[in-house]
Amino acid sequence: MSLEEKWSFLQDLLVENGQYLYDLKPLKKLCNQKKAFFLDFQKKFPYQQKKNELLQQGAEWITISDDEYPIKLKEIYLPPLVLFYKGNIEWINETIIGIVGARECTEYGKAVVSKLVPPLVDKGIIISSGLAKGIDSYAHSTTIEGNGKTIAVIGTGLDRYYPLSNYDIQKKIENEHLVVTEFPIGSKPLKHHFPLRNRIISGISEGIIVVEAKKRSGSLITAYQALEQNRQVYAVPGSIFSKLSEGANDLIKSGAKTVNSPKDIIEDLIYKF
């Protein structure tokens, strides 16, 4: 789906009785020629067809004007206008902690997740992540195994399973937990989608835990976005001999809170319970 189609679709979803519920500021910045093209395209857009595609996929959506839309997410820079989802959307307003990390994680990284997640789950904290390989997937699966709640924020449409190796766990999460995306049905896993996805992971969360990350990685992008959103950033220290520890160790040097046990996170959230 092209960018024009996406914006048109989102705008159509925000129309009620012919009145726009949300002001699309980007439209105002367009020159008259582009604005005319946009509005003409919008008139011809097969809204009902796209709506039916969502319904056929068992997908639902909330807009930024809906009561269910999380207040925390409204506060971030450029919040998504629409969230498409499968699962229990009510969870998105509960206490959430994001966990992100290396795709090619080590046994140490997995052991860290296994240590941190169960006590958080026992406190009723929901675990969010991006359903990527490695730490993300392990955070989701560990939460599920501990009878906790997990939210997967994906960088594709709800009809896509990326990576394909996560098909089974994504199916389980959408059936029993919550999968969320800002990308319409049919959206492919394009490279620029994932930094956008990351801002939602941090945006719905009270804080982000980074478990194993290289100096340049998507996990660090999420951490920096969390800082911009005034969220707490937690980092698990790692070996000085491992490249997968360089990112997290640098975050600690930059002021992220060092995490050695679940208590380091729970103590910041104690007022919630």
C-alpha atoms as a PDB file:
ATOM      1  CA  MET A   1       0.000   0.000   0.000  1.00  0.00           C
ATOM      2  CA  SER A   2       1.498   3.355  -1.032  1.00  0.00           C
ATOM      3  CA  LEU A   3       2.012   6.263   1.347  1.00  0.00           C
ATOM      4  CA  GLU A   4      -0.863   8.132  -0.323  1.00  0.00           C
ATOM      5  CA  GLU A   5      -3.140   5.126   0.108  1.00  0.00           C
ATOM      6  CA  LYS A   6      -2.132   4.768   3.739  1.00  0.00           C
ATOM      7  CA  TRP A   7      -2.845   8.387   4.627  1.00  0.00           C
ATOM      8  CA  SER A   8      -6.100   8.366   2.713  1.00  0.00           C
ATOM      9  CA  PHE A   9      -7.195   5.177   4.428  1.00  0.00           C
ATOM     10  CA  LEU A  10      -6.333   6.524   7.863  1.00  0.00           C
ATOM     11  CA  GLN A  11      -8.121   9.773   7.188  1.00  0.00           C
ATOM     12  CA  ASP A  12     -11.239   7.950   6.000  1.00  0.00           C
ATOM     13  CA  LEU A  13     -11.281   5.972   9.225  1.00  0.00           C
ATOM     14  CA  LEU A  14     -11.331   9.224  11.177  1.00  0.00           C
ATOM     15  CA  VAL A  15     -14.392  10.605   9.423  1.00  0.00           C
ATOM     16  CA  GLU A  16     -17.674  10.641  11.276  1.00  0.00           C
ATOM     17  CA  ASN A  17     -20.753  12.129   9.611  1.00  0.00           C
ATOM     18  CA  GLY A  18     -18.535  14.012   7.221  1.00  0.00           C
ATOM     19  CA  GLN A  19     -16.550  15.712   9.983  1.00  0.00           C
ATOM     20  CA  TYR A  20     -12.865  15.096  10.497  1.00  0.00           C
ATOM     21  CA  LEU A  21     -12.152  14.098  14.076  1.00  0.00           C
ATOM     22  CA  TYR A  22      -8.424  14.690  13.797  1.00  0.00           C
ATOM     23  CA  ASP A  23      -6.606  17.453  11.942  1.00  0.00           C
ATOM     24  CA  LEU A  24      -4.120  15.985   9.467  1.00  0.00           C
ATOM     25  CA  LYS A  25      -1.484  18.702   9.652  1.00  0.00           C
ATOM     26  CA  PRO A  26       0.724  17.152   6.935  1.00  0.00           C
ATOM     27  CA  LEU A  27      -2.071  17.878   4.429  1.00  0.00           C
ATOM     28  CA  LYS A  28      -1.890  21.597   5.221  1.00  0.00           C
ATOM     29  CA  LYS A  29       1.803  21.656   4.359  1.00  0.00           C
ATOM     30  CA  LEU A  30       1.245  20.362   0.817  1.00  0.00           C
ATOM     31  CA  CYS A  31       1.270  22.699  -2.160  1.00  0.00           C
ATOM     32  CA  ASN A  32      -2.099  23.233  -3.841  1.00  0.00           C
ATOM     33  CA  GLN A  33      -1.307  20.820  -6.674  1.00  0.00           C
ATOM     34  CA  LYS A  34      -0.347  17.980  -4.339  1.00  0.00           C
ATOM     35  CA  LYS A  35      -3.260  18.752  -2.047  1.00  0.00           C
ATOM     36  CA  ALA A  36      -5.665  18.509  -4.992  1.00  0.00           C
ATOM     37  CA  PHE A  37      -4.097  15.195  -6.027  1.00  0.00           C
ATOM     38  CA  PHE A  38      -4.423  13.891  -2.476  1.00  0.00           C
ATOM     39  CA  LEU A  39      -8.081  14.853  -2.158  1.00  0.00           C
ATOM     40  CA  ASP A  40      -8.898  13.424  -5.586  1.00  0.00           C
ATOM     41  CA  PHE A  41      -7.160  10.179  -4.659  1.00  0.00           C
ATOM     42  CA  GLN A  42      -9.097  10.078  -1.398  1.00  0.00           C
ATOM     43  CA  LYS A  43     -12.432  10.303  -3.202  1.00  0.00           C
ATOM     44  CA  LYS A  44     -11.520   7.306  -5.366  1.00  0.00           C
ATOM     45  CA  PHE A  45     -10.011   5.239  -2.594  1.00  0.00           C
ATOM     46  CA  PRO A  46     -11.848   1.880  -2.078  1.00  0.00           C
ATOM     47  CA  TYR A  47     -12.476   2.467   1.604  1.00  0.00           C
ATOM     48  CA  GLN A  48     -15.179  -0.177   1.995  1.00  0.00           C
ATOM     49  CA  GLN A  49     -12.998  -2.783   0.288  1.00  0.00           C
ATOM     50  CA  LYS A  50     -10.104  -2.061   2.631  1.00  0.00           C
ATOM     51  CA  LYS A  51     -12.420  -2.118   5.619  1.00  0.00           C
ATOM     52  CA  ASN A  52     -13.744  -5.520   4.516  1.00  0.00           C
ATOM     53  CA  GLU A  53     -10.167  -6.814   4.166  1.00  0.00           C
ATOM     54  CA  LEU A  54      -9.536  -5.881   7.786  1.00  0.00           C
ATOM     55  CA  LEU A  55     -12.722  -7.565   8.946  1.00  0.00           C
ATOM     56  CA  GLN A  56     -11.921 -10.702   6.929  1.00  0.00           C
ATOM     57  CA  GLN A  57      -8.569 -10.875   8.700  1.00  0.00           C
ATOM     58  CA  GLY A  58     -10.298 -10.662  12.077  1.00  0.00           C
ATOM     59  CA  ALA A  59      -8.609  -7.310  12.655  1.00  0.00           C
ATOM     60  CA  GLU A  60     -10.003  -4.289  14.454  1.00  0.00           C
ATOM     61  CA  TRP A  61      -8.762  -0.748  14.943  1.00  0.00           C
ATOM     62  CA  ILE A  62      -8.855   2.243  17.217  1.00  0.00           C
ATOM     63  CA  THR A  63      -8.186   5.849  16.247  1.00  0.00           C
ATOM     64  CA  ILE A  64      -6.483   8.604  18.170  1.00  0.00           C
ATOM     65  CA  SER A  65      -9.929  10.040  18.901  1.00  0.00           C
ATOM     66  CA  ASP A  66     -11.165   6.869  20.648  1.00  0.00           C
ATOM     67  CA  ASP A  67     -11.326   6.499  24.430  1.00  0.00           C
ATOM     68  CA  GLU A  68      -9.395   3.225  24.224  1.00  0.00           C
ATOM     69  CA  TYR A  69      -6.415   4.921  22.591  1.00  0.00           C
ATOM     70  CA  PRO A  70      -3.613   4.987  25.205  1.00  0.00           C
ATOM     71  CA  ILE A  71      -2.970   8.382  26.761  1.00  0.00           C
ATOM     72  CA  LYS A  72       0.750   7.592  26.987  1.00  0.00           C
ATOM     73  CA  LEU A  73       0.898   7.132  23.222  1.00  0.00           C
ATOM     74  CA  LYS A  74      -0.942  10.386  22.522  1.00  0.00           C
ATOM     75  CA  GLU A  75       1.849  12.224  24.317  1.00  0.00           C
ATOM     76  CA  ILE A  76       4.659  11.110  21.984  1.00  0.00           C
ATOM     77  CA  TYR A  77       5.932  12.944  18.924  1.00  0.00           C
ATOM     78  CA  LEU A  78       3.868  11.953  15.849  1.00  0.00           C
ATOM     79  CA  PRO A  79       1.577   9.391  17.503  1.00  0.00           C
ATOM     80  CA  PRO A  80       0.002   6.902  15.091  1.00  0.00           C
ATOM     81  CA  LEU A  81      -3.438   8.060  13.992  1.00  0.00           C
ATOM     82  CA  VAL A  82      -4.754   4.522  13.870  1.00  0.00           C
ATOM     83  CA  LEU A  83      -3.744   1.288  15.581  1.00  0.00           C
ATOM     84  CA  PHE A  84      -4.802  -1.945  13.914  1.00  0.00           C
ATOM     85  CA  TYR A  85      -4.928  -4.889  16.278  1.00  0.00           C
ATOM     86  CA  LYS A  86      -5.876  -8.445  17.070  1.00  0.00           C
ATOM     87  CA  GLY A  87      -6.463  -9.403  20.669  1.00  0.00           C
ATOM     88  CA  ASN A  88      -7.349  -7.620  23.903  1.00  0.00           C
ATOM     89  CA  ILE A  89      -6.875  -3.900  23.247  1.00  0.00           C
ATOM     90  CA  GLU A  90      -7.755  -3.040  26.862  1.00  0.00           C
ATOM     91  CA  TRP A  91      -4.285  -4.213  27.897  1.00  0.00           C
ATOM     92  CA  ILE A  92      -2.672  -1.319  26.055  1.00  0.00           C
ATOM     93  CA  ASN A  93      -3.689   1.045  28.878  1.00  0.00           C
ATOM     94  CA  GLU A  94      -2.257  -1.098  31.667  1.00  0.00           C
ATOM     95  CA  THR A  95       1.249  -1.024  33.169  1.00  0.00           C
ATOM     96  CA  ILE A  96       3.663  -2.117  30.441  1.00  0.00           C
ATOM     97  CA  ILE A  97       7.419  -2.640  30.307  1.00  0.00           C
ATOM     98  CA  GLY A  98       9.163  -3.067  26.963  1.00  0.00           C
ATOM     99  CA  ILE A  99      12.013  -5.512  26.462  1.00  0.00           C
ATOM    100  CA  VAL A 100      14.246  -5.244  23.393  1.00  0.00           C
ATOM    101  CA  GLY A 101      17.602  -6.672  22.423  1.00  0.00           C
ATOM    102  CA  ALA A 102      19.827  -8.407  19.929  1.00  0.00           C
ATOM    103  CA  ARG A 103      18.404 -10.637  17.227  1.00  0.00           C
ATOM    104  CA  GLU A 104      21.470 -12.879  17.416  1.00  0.00           C
ATOM    105  CA  CYS A 105      21.335 -13.062  21.187  1.00  0.00           C
ATOM    106  CA  THR A 106      23.481 -15.299  23.375  1.00  0.00           C
ATOM    107  CA  GLU A 107      22.554 -17.747  26.096  1.00  0.00           C
ATOM    108  CA  TYR A 108      23.448 -14.971  28.540  1.00  0.00           C
ATOM    109  CA  GLY A 109      20.771 -12.743  27.015  1.00  0.00           C
ATOM    110  CA  LYS A 110      18.181 -15.498  27.243  1.00  0.00           C
ATOM    111  CA  ALA A 111      19.152 -16.162  30.857  1.00  0.00           C
ATOM    112  CA  VAL A 112      18.678 -12.469  31.662  1.00  0.00           C
ATOM    113  CA  VAL A 113      15.168 -12.502  30.162  1.00  0.00           C
ATOM    114  CA  SER A 114      14.350 -15.687  32.090  1.00  0.00           C
ATOM    115  CA  LYS A 115      15.421 -13.946  35.304  1.00  0.00           C
ATOM    116  CA  LEU A 116      13.665 -10.623  34.752  1.00  0.00           C
ATOM    117  CA  VAL A 117      10.325 -11.573  33.213  1.00  0.00           C
ATOM    118  CA  PRO A 118       8.688 -13.928  35.779  1.00  0.00           C
ATOM    119  CA  PRO A 119       8.811 -11.470  38.734  1.00  0.00           C
ATOM    120  CA  LEU A 120       7.470  -8.690  36.502  1.00  0.00           C
ATOM    121  CA  VAL A 121       4.652 -10.947  35.322  1.00  0.00           C
ATOM    122  CA  ASP A 122       3.880 -11.882  38.932  1.00  0.00           C
ATOM    123  CA  LYS A 123       3.361  -8.165  39.631  1.00  0.00           C
ATOM    124  CA  GLY A 124       0.841  -7.933  36.819  1.00  0.00           C
ATOM    125  CA  ILE A 125       3.171  -6.020  34.500  1.00  0.00           C
ATOM    126  CA  ILE A 126       2.572  -6.570  30.787  1.00  0.00           C
ATOM    127  CA  ILE A 127       5.624  -7.232  28.602  1.00  0.00           C
ATOM    128  CA  SER A 128       5.814  -5.519  25.220  1.00  0.00           C
ATOM    129  CA  SER A 129       8.309  -6.139  22.436  1.00  0.00           C
ATOM    130  CA  GLY A 130       8.668  -6.146  18.664  1.00  0.00           C
ATOM    131  CA  LEU A 131       8.361  -9.847  17.804  1.00  0.00           C
ATOM    132  CA  ALA A 132      11.784  -9.837  16.144  1.00  0.00           C
ATOM    133  CA  LYS A 133      14.159 -12.790  16.333  1.00  0.00           C
ATOM    134  CA  GLY A 134      16.239 -13.182  19.467  1.00  0.00           C
ATOM    135  CA  ILE A 135      15.517 -11.239  22.649  1.00  0.00           C
ATOM    136  CA  ASP A 136      12.148  -9.911  21.444  1.00  0.00           C
ATOM    137  CA  SER A 137      10.724 -13.341  20.694  1.00  0.00           C
ATOM    138  CA  TYR A 138      12.232 -14.796  23.852  1.00  0.00           C
ATOM    139  CA  ALA A 139      10.638 -12.044  25.941  1.00  0.00           C
ATOM    140  CA  HIS A 140       7.232 -12.849  24.430  1.00  0.00           C
ATOM    141  CA  SER A 141       7.585 -16.625  24.842  1.00  0.00           C
ATOM    142  CA  THR A 142       8.920 -16.362  28.406  1.00  0.00           C
ATOM    143  CA  THR A 143       5.966 -14.164  29.345  1.00  0.00           C
ATOM    144  CA  ILE A 144       3.504 -16.626  27.837  1.00  0.00           C
ATOM    145  CA  GLU A 145       5.151 -19.572  29.592  1.00  0.00           C
ATOM    146  CA  GLY A 146       4.832 -17.659  32.875  1.00  0.00           C
ATOM    147  CA  ASN A 147       1.090 -17.102  32.310  1.00  0.00           C
ATOM    148  CA  GLY A 148       1.675 -13.389  31.834  1.00  0.00           C
ATOM    149  CA  LYS A 149       0.327 -10.911  29.302  1.00  0.00           C
ATOM    150  CA  THR A 150       2.326  -9.777  26.285  1.00  0.00           C
ATOM    151  CA  ILE A 151       1.886  -7.187  23.538  1.00  0.00           C
ATOM    152  CA  ALA A 152       3.651  -7.573  20.193  1.00  0.00           C
ATOM    153  CA  VAL A 153       4.112  -4.401  18.145  1.00  0.00           C
ATOM    154  CA  ILE A 154       4.889  -5.363  14.565  1.00  0.00           C
ATOM    155  CA  GLY A 155       6.263  -3.510  11.543  1.00  0.00           C
ATOM    156  CA  THR A 156       3.908  -5.027   8.957  1.00  0.00           C
ATOM    157  CA  GLY A 157       0.203  -5.432   8.325  1.00  0.00           C
ATOM    158  CA  LEU A 158      -1.638  -7.901  10.531  1.00  0.00           C
ATOM    159  CA  ASP A 159      -1.804 -10.377   7.661  1.00  0.00           C
ATOM    160  CA  ARG A 160       2.002 -10.717   7.546  1.00  0.00           C
ATOM    161  CA  TYR A 161       4.230 -12.896   9.713  1.00  0.00           C
ATOM    162  CA  TYR A 162       7.764 -11.570   9.874  1.00  0.00           C
ATOM    163  CA  PRO A 163      10.068 -13.260  10.355  1.00  0.00           C
ATOM    164  CA  LEU A 164       8.222 -16.368   9.178  1.00  0.00           C
ATOM    165  CA  SER A 165       9.919 -18.372  11.935  1.00  0.00           C
ATOM    166  CA  ASN A 166       7.709 -16.450  14.400  1.00  0.00           C
ATOM    167  CA  TYR A 167       4.469 -17.539  12.716  1.00  0.00           C
ATOM    168  CA  ASP A 168       3.357 -19.803  15.569  1.00  0.00           C
ATOM    169  CA  ILE A 169       4.088 -17.342  18.359  1.00  0.00           C
ATOM    170  CA  GLN A 170       2.455 -14.442  16.505  1.00  0.00           C
ATOM    171  CA  LYS A 171      -0.642 -16.589  15.980  1.00  0.00           C
ATOM    172  CA  LYS A 172      -0.734 -17.400  19.682  1.00  0.00           C
ATOM    173  CA  ILE A 173      -0.280 -13.763  20.691  1.00  0.00           C
ATOM    174  CA  GLU A 174      -3.022 -12.501  18.370  1.00  0.00           C
ATOM    175  CA  ASN A 175      -5.402 -15.221  19.618  1.00  0.00           C
ATOM    176  CA  GLU A 176      -4.651 -14.970  23.340  1.00  0.00           C
ATOM    177  CA  HIS A 177      -2.790 -11.686  23.926  1.00  0.00           C
ATOM    178  CA  LEU A 178      -2.437  -8.568  21.729  1.00  0.00           C
ATOM    179  CA  VAL A 179      -0.743  -7.763  18.408  1.00  0.00           C
ATOM    180  CA  VAL A 180      -0.658  -4.095  17.359  1.00  0.00           C
ATOM    181  CA  THR A 181       0.512  -2.228  14.260  1.00  0.00           C
ATOM    182  CA  GLU A 182       0.017   1.142  12.595  1.00  0.00           C
ATOM    183  CA  PHE A 183       0.416  -0.422   9.142  1.00  0.00           C
ATOM    184  CA  PRO A 184      -2.672  -1.469   7.130  1.00  0.00           C
ATOM    185  CA  ILE A 185      -3.363  -4.960   5.817  1.00  0.00           C
ATOM    186  CA  GLY A 186      -0.911  -5.880   3.083  1.00  0.00           C
ATOM    187  CA  SER A 187       1.966  -3.750   4.381  1.00  0.00           C
ATOM    188  CA  LYS A 188       5.311  -5.464   3.826  1.00  0.00           C
ATOM    189  CA  PRO A 189       8.256  -5.545   6.274  1.00  0.00           C
ATOM    190  CA  LEU A 190       9.980  -2.495   4.810  1.00  0.00           C
ATOM    191  CA  LYS A 191      13.159  -1.290   6.471  1.00  0.00           C
ATOM    192  CA  HIS A 192      11.799   2.095   7.532  1.00  0.00           C
ATOM    193  CA  HIS A 193       8.791   0.486   9.237  1.00  0.00           C
ATOM    194  CA  PHE A 194      10.812  -0.821  12.157  1.00  0.00           C
ATOM    195  CA  PRO A 195      12.067   2.469  13.646  1.00  0.00           C
ATOM    196  CA  LEU A 196       8.428   3.609  13.442  1.00  0.00           C
ATOM    197  CA  ARG A 197       7.342   0.424  15.213  1.00  0.00           C
ATOM    198  CA  ASN A 198       9.953   1.028  17.923  1.00  0.00           C
ATOM    199  CA  ARG A 199       8.468   4.381  18.917  1.00  0.00           C
ATOM    200  CA  ILE A 200       5.171   2.581  19.638  1.00  0.00           C
ATOM    201  CA  ILE A 201       6.864  -0.063  21.818  1.00  0.00           C
ATOM    202  CA  SER A 202       8.403   2.662  23.964  1.00  0.00           C
ATOM    203  CA  GLY A 203       5.342   4.910  23.669  1.00  0.00           C
ATOM    204  CA  ILE A 204       2.953   2.426  25.292  1.00  0.00           C
ATOM    205  CA  SER A 205       5.475   1.418  27.963  1.00  0.00           C
ATOM    206  CA  GLU A 206       6.512   2.874  31.304  1.00  0.00           C
ATOM    207  CA  GLY A 207      10.092   2.025  30.439  1.00  0.00           C
ATOM    208  CA  ILE A 208      12.336  -0.012  28.148  1.00  0.00           C
ATOM    209  CA  ILE A 209      14.813  -2.737  29.146  1.00  0.00           C
ATOM    210  CA  VAL A 210      17.723  -3.254  26.755  1.00  0.00           C
ATOM    211  CA  VAL A 211      19.200  -6.759  26.888  1.00  0.00           C
ATOM    212  CA  GLU A 212      22.253  -7.175  24.632  1.00  0.00           C
ATOM    213  CA  ALA A 213      22.698  -4.611  21.874  1.00  0.00           C
ATOM    214  CA  LYS A 214      25.478  -3.636  19.522  1.00  0.00           C
ATOM    215  CA  LYS A 215      26.646  -0.037  19.274  1.00  0.00           C
ATOM    216  CA  ARG A 216      24.373   0.496  16.291  1.00  0.00           C
ATOM    217  CA  SER A 217      21.145  -1.413  16.551  1.00  0.00           C
ATOM    218  CA  GLY A 218      17.384  -1.147  16.518  1.00  0.00           C
ATOM    219  CA  SER A 219      17.373  -1.697  20.277  1.00  0.00           C
ATOM    220  CA  LEU A 220      19.350   1.501  20.806  1.00  0.00           C
ATOM    221  CA  ILE A 221      16.954   3.373  18.514  1.00  0.00           C
ATOM    222  CA  THR A 222      14.132   2.217  20.791  1.00  0.00           C
ATOM    223  CA  ALA A 223      16.099   3.322  23.865  1.00  0.00           C
ATOM    224  CA  TYR A 224      16.758   6.786  22.449  1.00  0.00           C
ATOM    225  CA  GLN A 225      13.119   7.124  21.438  1.00  0.00           C
ATOM    226  CA  ALA A 226      12.151   6.159  24.986  1.00  0.00           C
ATOM    227  CA  LEU A 227      14.384   8.934  26.341  1.00  0.00           C
ATOM    228  CA  GLU A 228      12.763  11.441  23.976  1.00  0.00           C
ATOM    229  CA  GLN A 229       9.362  10.273  25.236  1.00  0.00           C
ATOM    230  CA  ASN A 230      10.461  10.731  28.861  1.00  0.00           C
ATOM    231  CA  ARG A 231      10.362   7.003  29.562  1.00  0.00           C
ATOM    232  CA  GLN A 232      12.764   5.202  31.888  1.00  0.00           C
ATOM    233  CA  VAL A 233      15.557   3.354  30.112  1.00  0.00           C
ATOM    234  CA  TYR A 234      17.013   0.264  31.779  1.00  0.00           C
ATOM    235  CA  ALA A 235      20.119  -1.513  30.555  1.00  0.00           C
ATOM    236  CA  VAL A 236      21.518  -4.897  31.511  1.00  0.00           C
ATOM    237  CA  PRO A 237      25.333  -4.813  31.743  1.00  0.00           C
ATOM    238  CA  GLY A 238      27.305  -7.380  29.781  1.00  0.00           C
ATOM    239  CA  SER A 239      30.787  -8.643  29.182  1.00  0.00           C
ATOM    240  CA  ILE A 240      33.350  -6.055  28.085  1.00  0.00           C
ATOM    241  CA  PHE A 241      34.582  -8.667  25.596  1.00  0.00           C
ATOM    242  CA  SER A 242      31.251  -9.006  23.785  1.00  0.00           C
ATOM    243  CA  LYS A 243      30.145  -6.710  20.937  1.00  0.00           C
ATOM    244  CA  LEU A 244      26.570  -7.507  21.924  1.00  0.00           C
ATOM    245  CA  SER A 245      27.185  -5.741  25.238  1.00  0.00           C
ATOM    246  CA  GLU A 246      28.640  -2.531  23.832  1.00  0.00           C
ATOM    247  CA  GLY A 247      25.298  -0.825  23.268  1.00  0.00           C
ATOM    248  CA  ALA A 248      23.839  -1.615  26.694  1.00  0.00           C
ATOM    249  CA  ASN A 249      27.085  -0.742  28.470  1.00  0.00           C
ATOM    250  CA  ASP A 250      27.204   2.591  26.639  1.00  0.00           C
ATOM    251  CA  LEU A 251      23.616   3.311  27.695  1.00  0.00           C
ATOM    252  CA  ILE A 252      24.632   2.778  31.314  1.00  0.00           C
ATOM    253  CA  LYS A 253      27.540   5.200  30.909  1.00  0.00           C
ATOM    254  CA  SER A 254      25.073   7.692  29.441  1.00  0.00           C
ATOM    255  CA  GLY A 255      22.769   7.484  32.457  1.00  0.00           C
ATOM    256  CA  ALA A 256      20.456   4.520  31.858  1.00  0.00           C
ATOM    257  CA  LYS A 257      19.535   2.659  35.006  1.00  0.00           C
ATOM    258  CA  THR A 258      21.585  -0.487  35.517  1.00  0.00           C
ATOM    259  CA  VAL A 259      19.478  -3.622  35.914  1.00  0.00           C
ATOM    260  CA  ASN A 260      20.892  -6.456  37.981  1.00  0.00           C
ATOM    261  CA  SER A 261      17.583  -7.883  39.189  1.00  0.00           C
ATOM    262  CA  PRO A 262      13.826  -7.438  38.687  1.00  0.00           C
ATOM    263  CA  LYS A 263      13.743  -5.287  41.837  1.00  0.00           C
ATOM    264  CA  ASP A 264      15.571  -2.536  39.952  1.00  0.00           C
ATOM    265  CA  ILE A 265      12.500  -2.199  37.720  1.00  0.00           C
ATOM    266  CA  ILE A 266       9.729  -3.005  40.171  1.00  0.00           C
ATOM    267  CA  GLU A 267      10.894  -0.353  42.633  1.00  0.00           C
ATOM    268  CA  ASP A 268      10.222   2.321  39.987  1.00  0.00           C
ATOM    269  CA  LEU A 269       6.694   1.005  39.423  1.00  0.00           C
ATOM    270  CA  ILE A 270       5.779   0.343  43.037  1.00  0.00           C
ATOM    271  CA  TYR A 271       3.297   3.247  43.087  1.00  0.00           C
ATOM    272  CA  LYS A 272       1.273   1.384  40.462  1.00  0.00           C
ATOM    273  CA  PHE A 273       0.449  -1.496  42.795  1.00  0.00           C
END
